[in-house]
C-alpha atoms as a PDB file:
ATOM      1  CA  UNK A   1      92.394 -37.307 338.760  1.00  0.00           C
ATOM      2  CA  UNK A   2      90.926 -33.676 338.522  1.00  0.00           C
ATOM      3  CA  UNK A   3      92.377 -31.525 340.965  1.00  0.00           C
ATOM      4  CA  UNK A   4      90.344 -29.720 343.725  1.00  0.00           C
ATOM      5  CA  UNK A   5      89.586 -25.835 343.353  1.00  0.00           C
ATOM      6  CA  UNK A   6      92.132 -25.135 345.922  1.00  0.00           C
ATOM      7  CA  UNK A   7      95.004 -27.216 344.492  1.00  0.00           C
ATOM      8  CA  UNK A   8      94.154 -25.168 341.310  1.00  0.00           C
ATOM      9  CA  UNK A   9      94.404 -21.689 342.707  1.00  0.00           C
ATOM     10  CA  UNK A  10      97.617 -22.850 344.446  1.00  0.00           C
ATOM     11  CA  UNK A  11      99.110 -23.624 341.353  1.00  0.00           C
ATOM     12  CA  UNK A  12      97.527 -20.701 339.351  1.00  0.00           C
ATOM     13  CA  UNK A  13      99.583 -18.496 342.226  1.00  0.00           C
ATOM     14  CA  UNK A  14     102.832 -20.232 341.768  1.00  0.00           C
ATOM     15  CA  UNK A  15     102.628 -19.755 338.255  1.00  0.00           C
ATOM     16  CA  UNK A  16     101.792 -16.077 338.775  1.00  0.00           C
ATOM     17  CA  UNK A  17     104.714 -15.671 341.059  1.00  0.00           C
ATOM     18  CA  UNK A  18     107.006 -17.552 339.090  1.00  0.00           C
ATOM     19  CA  UNK A  19     106.331 -15.152 335.848  1.00  0.00           C
ATOM     20  CA  UNK A  20     106.621 -11.998 338.442  1.00  0.00           C
ATOM     21  CA  UNK A  21     110.164 -13.465 339.614  1.00  0.00           C
ATOM     22  CA  UNK A  22     111.283 -13.995 335.855  1.00  0.00           C
ATOM     23  CA  UNK A  23     110.273 -10.861 334.933  1.00  0.00           C
ATOM     24  CA  UNK A  24     112.270  -9.337 337.743  1.00  0.00           C
ATOM     25  CA  UNK A  25     115.286 -11.236 337.011  1.00  0.00           C
ATOM     26  CA  UNK A  26     115.080 -10.366 333.178  1.00  0.00           C
ATOM     27  CA  UNK A  27     114.867  -6.717 333.860  1.00  0.00           C
ATOM     28  CA  UNK A  28     111.228  -6.389 332.657  1.00  0.00           C
ATOM     29  CA  UNK A  29     108.512  -4.287 334.140  1.00  0.00           C
ATOM     30  CA  UNK A  30     105.600  -5.821 335.604  1.00  0.00           C
ATOM     31  CA  UNK A  31     102.561  -3.613 334.461  1.00  0.00           C
ATOM     32  CA  UNK A  32     100.434  -2.296 337.343  1.00  0.00           C
ATOM     33  CA  UNK A  33      96.767  -3.482 337.883  1.00  0.00           C
ATOM     34  CA  UNK A  34      94.419  -1.552 335.788  1.00  0.00           C
ATOM     35  CA  UNK A  35      92.721   1.385 337.785  1.00  0.00           C
ATOM     36  CA  UNK A  36      95.234   0.816 340.511  1.00  0.00           C
ATOM     37  CA  UNK A  37      96.322   4.121 341.876  1.00  0.00           C
ATOM     38  CA  UNK A  38      99.917   4.940 343.874  1.00  0.00           C
ATOM     39  CA  UNK A  39      99.738   6.806 347.168  1.00  0.00           C
ATOM     40  CA  UNK A  40     100.650  10.634 346.650  1.00  0.00           C
ATOM     41  CA  UNK A  41     103.794  11.467 348.280  1.00  0.00           C
ATOM     42  CA  UNK A  42     102.459  15.126 348.489  1.00  0.00           C
ATOM     43  CA  UNK A  43      99.151  16.656 349.009  1.00  0.00           C
ATOM     44  CA  UNK A  44      98.246  20.327 348.826  1.00  0.00           C
ATOM     45  CA  UNK A  45      94.845  22.113 349.862  1.00  0.00           C
ATOM     46  CA  UNK A  46      94.038  25.570 350.224  1.00  0.00           C
ATOM     47  CA  UNK A  47      94.627  27.057 353.836  1.00  0.00           C
ATOM     48  CA  UNK A  48      92.217  25.730 356.412  1.00  0.00           C
ATOM     49  CA  UNK A  49      91.018  29.566 356.672  1.00  0.00           C
ATOM     50  CA  UNK A  50      89.799  29.407 352.891  1.00  0.00           C
ATOM     51  CA  UNK A  51      88.191  26.170 353.033  1.00  0.00           C
ATOM     52  CA  UNK A  52      85.886  27.449 356.208  1.00  0.00           C
ATOM     53  CA  UNK A  53      84.729  30.767 354.535  1.00  0.00           C
ATOM     54  CA  UNK A  54      81.898  29.199 352.459  1.00  0.00           C
ATOM     55  CA  UNK A  55      80.139  27.088 354.752  1.00  0.00           C
ATOM     56  CA  UNK A  56      80.421  29.682 357.542  1.00  0.00           C
ATOM     57  CA  UNK A  57      79.218  32.693 355.503  1.00  0.00           C
ATOM     58  CA  UNK A  58      76.264  30.091 354.346  1.00  0.00           C
ATOM     59  CA  UNK A  59      75.229  29.431 357.908  1.00  0.00           C
ATOM     60  CA  UNK A  60      75.259  33.032 358.953  1.00  0.00           C
ATOM     61  CA  UNK A  61      73.395  34.160 355.826  1.00  0.00           C
ATOM     62  CA  UNK A  62      71.058  31.331 356.717  1.00  0.00           C
ATOM     63  CA  UNK A  63      70.845  32.072 360.112  1.00  0.00           C
ATOM     64  CA  UNK A  64      69.943  35.996 359.613  1.00  0.00           C
ATOM     65  CA  UNK A  65      67.460  35.103 357.314  1.00  0.00           C
ATOM     66  CA  UNK A  66      65.495  32.824 359.479  1.00  0.00           C
ATOM     67  CA  UNK A  67      65.673  35.642 361.761  1.00  0.00           C
ATOM     68  CA  UNK A  68      64.230  38.001 359.095  1.00  0.00           C
ATOM     69  CA  UNK A  69      66.738  39.902 357.611  1.00  0.00           C
ATOM     70  CA  UNK A  70      66.242  39.385 354.363  1.00  0.00           C
ATOM     71  CA  UNK A  71      69.263  41.376 353.332  1.00  0.00           C
ATOM     72  CA  UNK A  72      71.470  38.439 354.406  1.00  0.00           C
ATOM     73  CA  UNK A  73      70.612  36.739 351.311  1.00  0.00           C
ATOM     74  CA  UNK A  74      73.231  38.663 349.679  1.00  0.00           C
ATOM     75  CA  UNK A  75      75.800  36.575 351.209  1.00  0.00           C
ATOM     76  CA  UNK A  76      74.630  33.472 349.594  1.00  0.00           C
ATOM     77  CA  UNK A  77      76.256  34.101 346.204  1.00  0.00           C
ATOM     78  CA  UNK A  78      79.664  34.771 348.207  1.00  0.00           C
ATOM     79  CA  UNK A  79      79.301  31.913 349.961  1.00  0.00           C
ATOM     80  CA  UNK A  80      78.950  29.736 347.214  1.00  0.00           C
ATOM     81  CA  UNK A  81      81.734  31.330 345.274  1.00  0.00           C
ATOM     82  CA  UNK A  82      84.160  30.157 347.929  1.00  0.00           C
ATOM     83  CA  UNK A  83      82.841  26.935 348.131  1.00  0.00           C
ATOM     84  CA  UNK A  84      85.276  25.041 345.696  1.00  0.00           C
ATOM     85  CA  UNK A  85      88.084  25.732 348.202  1.00  0.00           C
ATOM     86  CA  UNK A  86      86.465  23.052 350.326  1.00  0.00           C
ATOM     87  CA  UNK A  87      87.320  20.197 347.919  1.00  0.00           C
ATOM     88  CA  UNK A  88      90.218  21.931 345.967  1.00  0.00           C
ATOM     89  CA  UNK A  89      93.223  19.462 345.992  1.00  0.00           C
ATOM     90  CA  UNK A  90      96.504  18.807 344.041  1.00  0.00           C
ATOM     91  CA  UNK A  91      98.375  15.457 344.503  1.00  0.00           C
ATOM     92  CA  UNK A  92     101.698  15.157 343.397  1.00  0.00           C
ATOM     93  CA  UNK A  93     103.037  11.248 343.181  1.00  0.00           C
ATOM     94  CA  UNK A  94     106.333   9.933 341.160  1.00  0.00           C
ATOM     95  CA  UNK A  95     104.604   9.561 337.989  1.00  0.00           C
ATOM     96  CA  UNK A  96     101.538  11.981 338.127  1.00  0.00           C
ATOM     97  CA  UNK A  97     100.549  15.250 339.338  1.00  0.00           C
ATOM     98  CA  UNK A  98      96.345  15.243 339.797  1.00  0.00           C
ATOM     99  CA  UNK A  99      94.165  18.276 340.356  1.00  0.00           C
ATOM    100  CA  UNK A 100      90.697  17.528 341.461  1.00  0.00           C
ATOM    101  CA  UNK A 101      88.739  20.101 339.560  1.00  0.00           C
ATOM    102  CA  UNK A 102      85.664  22.258 341.062  1.00  0.00           C
ATOM    103  CA  UNK A 103      82.740  20.700 339.199  1.00  0.00           C
ATOM    104  CA  UNK A 104      83.920  17.309 339.736  1.00  0.00           C
ATOM    105  CA  UNK A 105      86.673  14.976 338.226  1.00  0.00           C
ATOM    106  CA  UNK A 106      90.704  15.591 338.108  1.00  0.00           C
ATOM    107  CA  UNK A 107      93.042  16.797 335.771  1.00  0.00           C
ATOM    108  CA  UNK A 108      96.220  14.591 335.627  1.00  0.00           C
ATOM    109  CA  UNK A 109      99.517  15.432 334.073  1.00  0.00           C
ATOM    110  CA  UNK A 110     102.755  13.124 333.943  1.00  0.00           C
ATOM    111  CA  UNK A 111     105.479  14.443 336.507  1.00  0.00           C
ATOM    112  CA  UNK A 112     108.016  13.831 334.071  1.00  0.00           C
ATOM    113  CA  UNK A 113     106.619  16.155 331.542  1.00  0.00           C
ATOM    114  CA  UNK A 114     107.226  19.242 333.735  1.00  0.00           C
ATOM    115  CA  UNK A 115     110.431  20.735 332.763  1.00  0.00           C
ATOM    116  CA  UNK A 116     110.034  24.404 333.717  1.00  0.00           C
ATOM    117  CA  UNK A 117     109.280  26.154 337.003  1.00  0.00           C
ATOM    118  CA  UNK A 118     107.933  29.984 337.238  1.00  0.00           C
ATOM    119  CA  UNK A 119     107.204  32.169 340.138  1.00  0.00           C
ATOM    120  CA  UNK A 120     105.247  35.138 338.889  1.00  0.00           C
ATOM    121  CA  UNK A 121     103.606  38.031 340.487  1.00  0.00           C
ATOM    122  CA  UNK A 122      99.812  38.331 339.746  1.00  0.00           C
ATOM    123  CA  UNK A 123      99.809  41.844 338.164  1.00  0.00           C
ATOM    124  CA  UNK A 124      97.762  44.217 340.341  1.00  0.00           C
ATOM    125  CA  UNK A 125      98.248  47.555 339.439  1.00  0.00           C
ATOM    126  CA  UNK A 126      98.478  48.626 343.103  1.00  0.00           C
ATOM    127  CA  UNK A 127     101.464  46.566 343.875  1.00  0.00           C
ATOM    128  CA  UNK A 128     103.264  47.120 340.608  1.00  0.00           C
ATOM    129  CA  UNK A 129     105.574  49.843 342.297  1.00  0.00           C
ATOM    130  CA  UNK A 130     106.621  47.146 344.929  1.00  0.00           C
ATOM    131  CA  UNK A 131     110.233  45.993 343.908  1.00  0.00           C
ATOM    132  CA  UNK A 132     109.948  43.331 346.572  1.00  0.00           C
ATOM    133  CA  UNK A 133     107.746  41.536 348.877  1.00  0.00           C
ATOM    134  CA  UNK A 134     107.073  42.255 352.657  1.00  0.00           C
ATOM    135  CA  UNK A 135     106.024  39.894 354.865  1.00  0.00           C
ATOM    136  CA  UNK A 136     102.880  40.133 356.983  1.00  0.00           C
ATOM    137  CA  UNK A 137     102.657  36.999 359.024  1.00  0.00           C
ATOM    138  CA  UNK A 138     102.278  34.304 356.679  1.00  0.00           C
ATOM    139  CA  UNK A 139     101.432  36.568 354.024  1.00  0.00           C
ATOM    140  CA  UNK A 140     103.514  38.597 351.580  1.00  0.00           C
ATOM    141  CA  UNK A 141     102.406  41.839 350.172  1.00  0.00           C
ATOM    142  CA  UNK A 142     103.298  40.515 346.639  1.00  0.00           C
ATOM    143  CA  UNK A 143     100.919  37.752 345.543  1.00  0.00           C
ATOM    144  CA  UNK A 144     102.779  35.047 343.498  1.00  0.00           C
ATOM    145  CA  UNK A 145     101.653  32.406 340.974  1.00  0.00           C
ATOM    146  CA  UNK A 146     103.438  28.984 340.893  1.00  0.00           C
ATOM    147  CA  UNK A 147     103.647  27.441 337.273  1.00  0.00           C
ATOM    148  CA  UNK A 148     104.802  24.338 336.325  1.00  0.00           C
ATOM    149  CA  UNK A 149     105.327  24.006 332.729  1.00  0.00           C
ATOM    150  CA  UNK A 150     106.406  22.047 329.796  1.00  0.00           C
ATOM    151  CA  UNK A 151     108.447  24.655 327.764  1.00  0.00           C
ATOM    152  CA  UNK A 152     105.715  27.691 327.330  1.00  0.00           C
ATOM    153  CA  UNK A 153     102.770  25.360 328.204  1.00  0.00           C
ATOM    154  CA  UNK A 154     101.267  25.874 331.764  1.00  0.00           C
ATOM    155  CA  UNK A 155     100.293  22.241 333.303  1.00  0.00           C
ATOM    156  CA  UNK A 156      99.508  23.485 336.805  1.00  0.00           C
ATOM    157  CA  UNK A 157      98.788  26.807 337.922  1.00  0.00           C
ATOM    158  CA  UNK A 158      98.625  27.732 342.050  1.00  0.00           C
ATOM    159  CA  UNK A 159      97.903  31.017 343.511  1.00  0.00           C
ATOM    160  CA  UNK A 160     100.298  30.648 346.341  1.00  0.00           C
ATOM    161  CA  UNK A 161      98.291  32.978 348.959  1.00  0.00           C
ATOM    162  CA  UNK A 162      95.416  30.497 348.616  1.00  0.00           C
ATOM    163  CA  UNK A 163      97.278  27.044 348.750  1.00  0.00           C
ATOM    164  CA  UNK A 164      99.182  25.655 352.018  1.00  0.00           C
ATOM    165  CA  UNK A 165     102.683  23.844 351.249  1.00  0.00           C
ATOM    166  CA  UNK A 166     102.812  25.451 348.290  1.00  0.00           C
ATOM    167  CA  UNK A 167     106.421  26.255 349.102  1.00  0.00           C
ATOM    168  CA  UNK A 168     107.195  22.432 349.402  1.00  0.00           C
ATOM    169  CA  UNK A 169     105.982  21.713 345.760  1.00  0.00           C
ATOM    170  CA  UNK A 170     108.378  24.787 344.651  1.00  0.00           C
ATOM    171  CA  UNK A 171     111.015  22.992 346.266  1.00  0.00           C
ATOM    172  CA  UNK A 172     110.129  19.645 344.574  1.00  0.00           C
ATOM    173  CA  UNK A 173     110.000  21.015 341.316  1.00  0.00           C
ATOM    174  CA  UNK A 174     113.359  23.079 341.941  1.00  0.00           C
ATOM    175  CA  UNK A 175     114.966  19.980 343.130  1.00  0.00           C
ATOM    176  CA  UNK A 176     114.387  18.168 339.479  1.00  0.00           C
ATOM    177  CA  UNK A 177     117.804  18.167 337.460  1.00  0.00           C
ATOM    178  CA  UNK A 178     115.798  19.096 334.220  1.00  0.00           C
ATOM    179  CA  UNK A 179     113.612  21.805 335.104  1.00  0.00           C
ATOM    180  CA  UNK A 180     114.675  25.129 334.221  1.00  0.00           C
ATOM    181  CA  UNK A 181     114.770  28.145 336.543  1.00  0.00           C
ATOM    182  CA  UNK A 182     114.814  31.765 334.989  1.00  0.00           C
ATOM    183  CA  UNK A 183     116.651  34.628 336.872  1.00  0.00           C
ATOM    184  CA  UNK A 184     113.255  35.810 338.426  1.00  0.00           C
ATOM    185  CA  UNK A 185     112.198  32.430 339.892  1.00  0.00           C
ATOM    186  CA  UNK A 186     115.603  31.720 341.374  1.00  0.00           C
ATOM    187  CA  UNK A 187     115.475  35.287 342.899  1.00  0.00           C
ATOM    188  CA  UNK A 188     111.825  34.563 344.151  1.00  0.00           C
ATOM    189  CA  UNK A 189     112.841  31.151 345.680  1.00  0.00           C
ATOM    190  CA  UNK A 190     115.578  32.195 347.545  1.00  0.00           C
ATOM    191  CA  UNK A 191     113.514  35.291 348.960  1.00  0.00           C
ATOM    192  CA  UNK A 192     110.156  33.311 349.552  1.00  0.00           C
ATOM    193  CA  UNK A 193     110.984  29.884 349.974  1.00  0.00           C
ATOM    194  CA  UNK A 194     114.430  29.607 350.957  1.00  0.00           C
ATOM    195  CA  UNK A 195     117.831  29.321 349.811  1.00  0.00           C
ATOM    196  CA  UNK A 196     117.990  26.739 346.884  1.00  0.00           C
ATOM    197  CA  UNK A 197     120.532  24.518 348.364  1.00  0.00           C
ATOM    198  CA  UNK A 198     117.304  23.687 350.461  1.00  0.00           C
ATOM    199  CA  UNK A 199     115.654  21.990 347.175  1.00  0.00           C
ATOM    200  CA  UNK A 200     118.862  20.275 346.145  1.00  0.00           C
ATOM    201  CA  UNK A 201     118.082  17.015 348.465  1.00  0.00           C
ATOM    202  CA  UNK A 202     114.364  17.060 348.186  1.00  0.00           C
ATOM    203  CA  UNK A 203     113.077  13.913 346.472  1.00  0.00           C
ATOM    204  CA  UNK A 204     109.592  12.244 346.024  1.00  0.00           C
END
């Protein structure tokens, strides 16, 4: 006697469930479904002020140009240059760090490939003589670059002045037991992020 479609479906479901249970009992890892994305634990975006500059300047330029001030069209390239901050995004997950490129698509690196954290000063000649930073609201007088590296190869690089929650990313990277921190990075973490003891309990 031929089984009905519903009976066949239930039998297939039981078979799949038994296979998963057997795999878990034996310590085997069940492979994820192809194309399945895990929910990122941390999402970084540029500050809201950075994201609205491009659209606001573009609206102002179009409005002034419509009113007859043709010189306002010179603002259009500035607005277009700011638009990448609208969709810039960094997602940190348990297994992967994904960054959305300004021209579309994503760049992905494995989370466990990061073995080095560096906080470096942006080499502005005017600020080169400042021995330490001074806080001005949410900003510091010494602009920093955060780099996640594999040995000397830079995997992810952020200009800290543009990105919200960059300190959370620094704490996460510093909390990993195998991540190398040189003396300058440790000092800047303590000064600009907080005591390193904050980072020791930070987990994904």
